[in-house]
Amino acid sequence: MRPARTPRYWRSGTEPATARSDLKLRFLLSVMFLPVFVAMTAGFALWASLSTGSDLPSSGALTGFAVLSGVLTVFAAVDLYVVVRRRRTEL
């Protein structure tokens, strides 16, 4: 006899049908932080290109920071695109 398969978390009501994200806040955060992440990416990339082998932090660490900042830039840009598209369709 197999044990019954039940959901891990029970849903009470219509959460999935009525759940909403705060698009205004997401828009505000994306607009604020997208230029910051772009500036960080450019700054770390420039700093990594100008560093020598004996500098601290090393050029490898600075390159890692530039890549991480670039990923955050892409994430913020995609989120901004999604929020703008959703706000247009909801109006």
N, C-alpha and C. Protein backbone atom coordinates (compact mmCIF):
# COMPACT_ATOMS: atom_id res chain seq x y z
N MET A 1 0.84 -1.17 0.00
CA MET A 1 0.00 0.00 0.00
C MET A 1 0.89 1.25 0.00
N ARG A 2 0.63 2.16 -0.94
CA ARG A 2 1.42 3.38 -1.05
C ARG A 2 0.82 4.48 -0.18
N PRO A 3 1.69 5.29 0.40
CA PRO A 3 1.15 6.41 1.18
C PRO A 3 0.49 7.44 0.25
N ALA A 4 -0.47 8.14 0.78
CA ALA A 4 -1.19 9.15 0.00
C ALA A 4 -0.26 10.32 -0.30
N ARG A 5 -0.38 10.85 -1.50
CA ARG A 5 0.42 12.01 -1.90
C ARG A 5 -0.40 13.27 -1.67
N THR A 6 0.05 14.08 -0.77
CA THR A 6 -0.64 15.33 -0.46
C THR A 6 0.28 16.49 -0.76
N PRO A 7 -0.27 17.66 -1.04
CA PRO A 7 0.59 18.81 -1.28
C PRO A 7 1.35 19.19 -0.01
N ARG A 8 2.52 19.74 -0.23
CA ARG A 8 3.36 20.12 0.90
C ARG A 8 2.73 21.26 1.70
N TYR A 9 2.21 22.24 0.98
CA TYR A 9 1.56 23.38 1.63
C TYR A 9 0.12 23.45 1.15
N TRP A 10 -0.78 23.55 2.07
CA TRP A 10 -2.19 23.63 1.71
C TRP A 10 -2.54 25.06 1.36
N ARG A 11 -3.29 25.22 0.32
CA ARG A 11 -3.76 26.54 -0.08
C ARG A 11 -5.15 26.76 0.48
N SER A 12 -5.35 27.93 0.98
CA SER A 12 -6.67 28.23 1.54
C SER A 12 -7.26 29.40 0.76
N GLY A 13 -8.16 29.13 -0.11
CA GLY A 13 -8.80 30.20 -0.86
C GLY A 13 -8.32 30.29 -2.28
N THR A 14 -8.27 31.52 -2.78
CA THR A 14 -7.95 31.74 -4.19
C THR A 14 -6.67 32.55 -4.35
N GLU A 15 -5.62 32.22 -3.60
CA GLU A 15 -4.38 33.01 -3.67
C GLU A 15 -3.82 33.10 -5.08
N PRO A 16 -3.66 32.00 -5.81
CA PRO A 16 -3.08 32.13 -7.14
C PRO A 16 -3.91 32.98 -8.10
N ALA A 17 -5.21 32.96 -7.94
CA ALA A 17 -6.07 33.73 -8.85
C ALA A 17 -6.06 35.22 -8.51
N THR A 18 -5.82 35.57 -7.27
CA THR A 18 -5.90 36.97 -6.88
C THR A 18 -4.56 37.56 -6.45
N ALA A 19 -3.48 36.81 -6.53
CA ALA A 19 -2.18 37.32 -6.10
C ALA A 19 -1.71 38.40 -7.06
N ARG A 20 -1.20 39.48 -6.53
CA ARG A 20 -0.73 40.61 -7.33
C ARG A 20 0.61 41.08 -6.79
N SER A 21 1.49 41.48 -7.69
CA SER A 21 2.75 42.07 -7.24
C SER A 21 2.61 43.59 -7.33
N ASP A 22 3.40 44.26 -6.55
CA ASP A 22 3.37 45.72 -6.53
C ASP A 22 4.19 46.24 -7.70
N LEU A 23 3.53 46.52 -8.82
CA LEU A 23 4.23 46.94 -10.02
C LEU A 23 4.86 48.31 -9.88
N LYS A 24 4.23 49.20 -9.10
CA LYS A 24 4.81 50.53 -8.91
C LYS A 24 6.15 50.45 -8.19
N LEU A 25 6.21 49.61 -7.17
CA LEU A 25 7.46 49.46 -6.43
C LEU A 25 8.53 48.79 -7.28
N ARG A 26 8.17 47.76 -8.02
CA ARG A 26 9.13 47.11 -8.90
C ARG A 26 9.64 48.07 -9.96
N PHE A 27 8.76 48.90 -10.51
CA PHE A 27 9.16 49.89 -11.50
C PHE A 27 10.13 50.90 -10.89
N LEU A 28 9.80 51.39 -9.71
CA LEU A 28 10.64 52.37 -9.03
C LEU A 28 12.03 51.79 -8.74
N LEU A 29 12.07 50.57 -8.22
CA LEU A 29 13.36 49.95 -7.90
C LEU A 29 14.18 49.69 -9.16
N SER A 30 13.54 49.25 -10.22
CA SER A 30 14.27 48.99 -11.46
C SER A 30 14.82 50.29 -12.06
N VAL A 31 14.01 51.33 -12.03
CA VAL A 31 14.46 52.62 -12.59
C VAL A 31 15.60 53.20 -11.75
N MET A 32 15.54 53.01 -10.44
CA MET A 32 16.59 53.55 -9.58
C MET A 32 17.89 52.77 -9.71
N PHE A 33 17.81 51.45 -9.74
CA PHE A 33 19.02 50.66 -9.65
C PHE A 33 19.63 50.28 -11.00
N LEU A 34 18.90 50.38 -12.09
CA LEU A 34 19.49 50.07 -13.39
C LEU A 34 20.69 50.96 -13.71
N PRO A 35 20.59 52.28 -13.55
CA PRO A 35 21.79 53.11 -13.79
C PRO A 35 22.92 52.84 -12.80
N VAL A 36 22.57 52.50 -11.58
CA VAL A 36 23.60 52.18 -10.58
C VAL A 36 24.37 50.94 -11.00
N PHE A 37 23.66 49.91 -11.43
CA PHE A 37 24.31 48.67 -11.84
C PHE A 37 25.13 48.87 -13.11
N VAL A 38 24.64 49.70 -14.03
CA VAL A 38 25.42 50.00 -15.24
C VAL A 38 26.71 50.72 -14.87
N ALA A 39 26.64 51.69 -13.97
CA ALA A 39 27.83 52.42 -13.53
C ALA A 39 28.80 51.50 -12.80
N MET A 40 28.26 50.60 -11.97
CA MET A 40 29.13 49.66 -11.26
C MET A 40 29.84 48.74 -12.24
N THR A 41 29.12 48.25 -13.24
CA THR A 41 29.72 47.36 -14.24
C THR A 41 30.85 48.08 -14.97
N ALA A 42 30.58 49.29 -15.43
CA ALA A 42 31.60 50.05 -16.15
C ALA A 42 32.78 50.38 -15.24
N GLY A 43 32.50 50.76 -14.01
CA GLY A 43 33.58 51.11 -13.08
C GLY A 43 34.47 49.93 -12.74
N PHE A 44 33.87 48.79 -12.43
CA PHE A 44 34.68 47.61 -12.12
C PHE A 44 35.46 47.13 -13.34
N ALA A 45 34.85 47.19 -14.53
CA ALA A 45 35.56 46.78 -15.73
C ALA A 45 36.74 47.70 -16.02
N LEU A 46 36.54 48.99 -15.86
CA LEU A 46 37.63 49.94 -16.07
C LEU A 46 38.73 49.75 -15.03
N TRP A 47 38.35 49.56 -13.78
CA TRP A 47 39.31 49.35 -12.71
C TRP A 47 40.10 48.07 -12.94
N ALA A 48 39.43 47.02 -13.40
CA ALA A 48 40.12 45.75 -13.67
C ALA A 48 41.09 45.90 -14.83
N SER A 49 40.72 46.69 -15.82
CA SER A 49 41.62 46.86 -16.96
C SER A 49 42.84 47.70 -16.61
N LEU A 50 42.72 48.58 -15.63
CA LEU A 50 43.83 49.45 -15.25
C LEU A 50 44.70 48.87 -14.13
N SER A 51 44.27 47.77 -13.50
CA SER A 51 45.03 47.23 -12.38
C SER A 51 46.22 46.42 -12.87
N THR A 52 47.25 46.40 -12.05
CA THR A 52 48.45 45.61 -12.37
C THR A 52 48.42 44.32 -11.57
N GLY A 53 49.41 43.49 -11.75
CA GLY A 53 49.43 42.19 -11.10
C GLY A 53 49.58 42.25 -9.59
N SER A 54 50.14 43.32 -9.06
CA SER A 54 50.38 43.40 -7.62
C SER A 54 49.32 44.20 -6.87
N ASP A 55 48.32 44.71 -7.57
CA ASP A 55 47.29 45.51 -6.92
C ASP A 55 46.33 44.64 -6.11
N LEU A 56 45.77 45.26 -5.09
CA LEU A 56 44.72 44.62 -4.33
C LEU A 56 43.48 45.48 -4.43
N PRO A 57 42.34 44.99 -4.73
CA PRO A 57 42.01 43.62 -5.12
C PRO A 57 42.59 43.28 -6.50
N SER A 58 42.72 42.01 -6.75
CA SER A 58 43.33 41.57 -8.00
C SER A 58 42.40 41.83 -9.18
N SER A 59 42.97 41.78 -10.36
CA SER A 59 42.16 42.03 -11.55
C SER A 59 41.12 40.93 -11.74
N GLY A 60 41.43 39.71 -11.29
CA GLY A 60 40.44 38.63 -11.38
C GLY A 60 39.23 38.89 -10.51
N ALA A 61 39.47 39.39 -9.29
CA ALA A 61 38.36 39.72 -8.40
C ALA A 61 37.54 40.87 -8.96
N LEU A 62 38.21 41.86 -9.52
CA LEU A 62 37.49 42.99 -10.11
C LEU A 62 36.69 42.57 -11.32
N THR A 63 37.23 41.65 -12.10
CA THR A 63 36.49 41.11 -13.23
C THR A 63 35.26 40.36 -12.75
N GLY A 64 35.39 39.61 -11.68
CA GLY A 64 34.24 38.93 -11.10
C GLY A 64 33.18 39.89 -10.64
N PHE A 65 33.60 40.98 -10.01
CA PHE A 65 32.63 42.01 -9.58
C PHE A 65 31.95 42.64 -10.80
N ALA A 66 32.71 42.87 -11.87
CA ALA A 66 32.13 43.44 -13.08
C ALA A 66 31.10 42.49 -13.70
N VAL A 67 31.41 41.20 -13.70
CA VAL A 67 30.47 40.22 -14.25
C VAL A 67 29.21 40.16 -13.38
N LEU A 68 29.39 40.14 -12.07
CA LEU A 68 28.24 40.13 -11.16
C LEU A 68 27.37 41.38 -11.34
N SER A 69 28.01 42.52 -11.47
CA SER A 69 27.26 43.75 -11.70
C SER A 69 26.54 43.71 -13.05
N GLY A 70 27.18 43.11 -14.05
CA GLY A 70 26.53 42.96 -15.35
C GLY A 70 25.30 42.08 -15.29
N VAL A 71 25.39 41.01 -14.50
CA VAL A 71 24.23 40.12 -14.33
C VAL A 71 23.09 40.89 -13.65
N LEU A 72 23.42 41.67 -12.64
CA LEU A 72 22.40 42.48 -11.96
C LEU A 72 21.80 43.53 -12.91
N THR A 73 22.62 44.07 -13.80
CA THR A 73 22.14 45.02 -14.80
C THR A 73 21.12 44.36 -15.72
N VAL A 74 21.45 43.17 -16.20
CA VAL A 74 20.54 42.45 -17.09
C VAL A 74 19.24 42.11 -16.35
N PHE A 75 19.36 41.66 -15.11
CA PHE A 75 18.18 41.33 -14.31
C PHE A 75 17.27 42.55 -14.13
N ALA A 76 17.85 43.69 -13.80
CA ALA A 76 17.05 44.91 -13.60
C ALA A 76 16.42 45.36 -14.91
N ALA A 77 17.14 45.23 -16.03
CA ALA A 77 16.59 45.64 -17.32
C ALA A 77 15.42 44.73 -17.73
N VAL A 78 15.57 43.43 -17.53
CA VAL A 78 14.48 42.50 -17.86
C VAL A 78 13.27 42.75 -16.97
N ASP A 79 13.51 42.99 -15.69
CA ASP A 79 12.40 43.27 -14.78
C ASP A 79 11.69 44.57 -15.18
N LEU A 80 12.44 45.57 -15.57
CA LEU A 80 11.83 46.82 -16.02
C LEU A 80 10.99 46.59 -17.26
N TYR A 81 11.47 45.80 -18.19
CA TYR A 81 10.71 45.48 -19.40
C TYR A 81 9.41 44.76 -19.05
N VAL A 82 9.49 43.78 -18.16
CA VAL A 82 8.30 43.02 -17.77
C VAL A 82 7.28 43.93 -17.08
N VAL A 83 7.74 44.78 -16.20
CA VAL A 83 6.83 45.67 -15.46
C VAL A 83 6.16 46.65 -16.41
N VAL A 84 6.92 47.23 -17.34
CA VAL A 84 6.32 48.18 -18.28
C VAL A 84 5.31 47.47 -19.17
N ARG A 85 5.61 46.28 -19.63
CA ARG A 85 4.67 45.53 -20.47
C ARG A 85 3.39 45.19 -19.70
N ARG A 86 3.53 44.78 -18.45
CA ARG A 86 2.34 44.45 -17.64
C ARG A 86 1.50 45.69 -17.36
N ARG A 87 2.16 46.82 -17.09
CA ARG A 87 1.39 48.03 -16.80
C ARG A 87 0.64 48.50 -18.03
N ARG A 88 1.19 48.31 -19.21
CA ARG A 88 0.47 48.69 -20.44
C ARG A 88 -0.75 47.81 -20.67
N THR A 89 -0.62 46.53 -20.40
CA THR A 89 -1.74 45.63 -20.66
C THR A 89 -2.83 45.75 -19.62
N GLU A 90 -2.51 46.20 -18.43
CA GLU A 90 -3.51 46.31 -17.37
C GLU A 90 -4.34 47.58 -17.48
N LEU A 91 -3.87 48.57 -18.18
CA LEU A 91 -4.62 49.83 -18.25
C LEU A 91 -5.68 49.80 -19.29
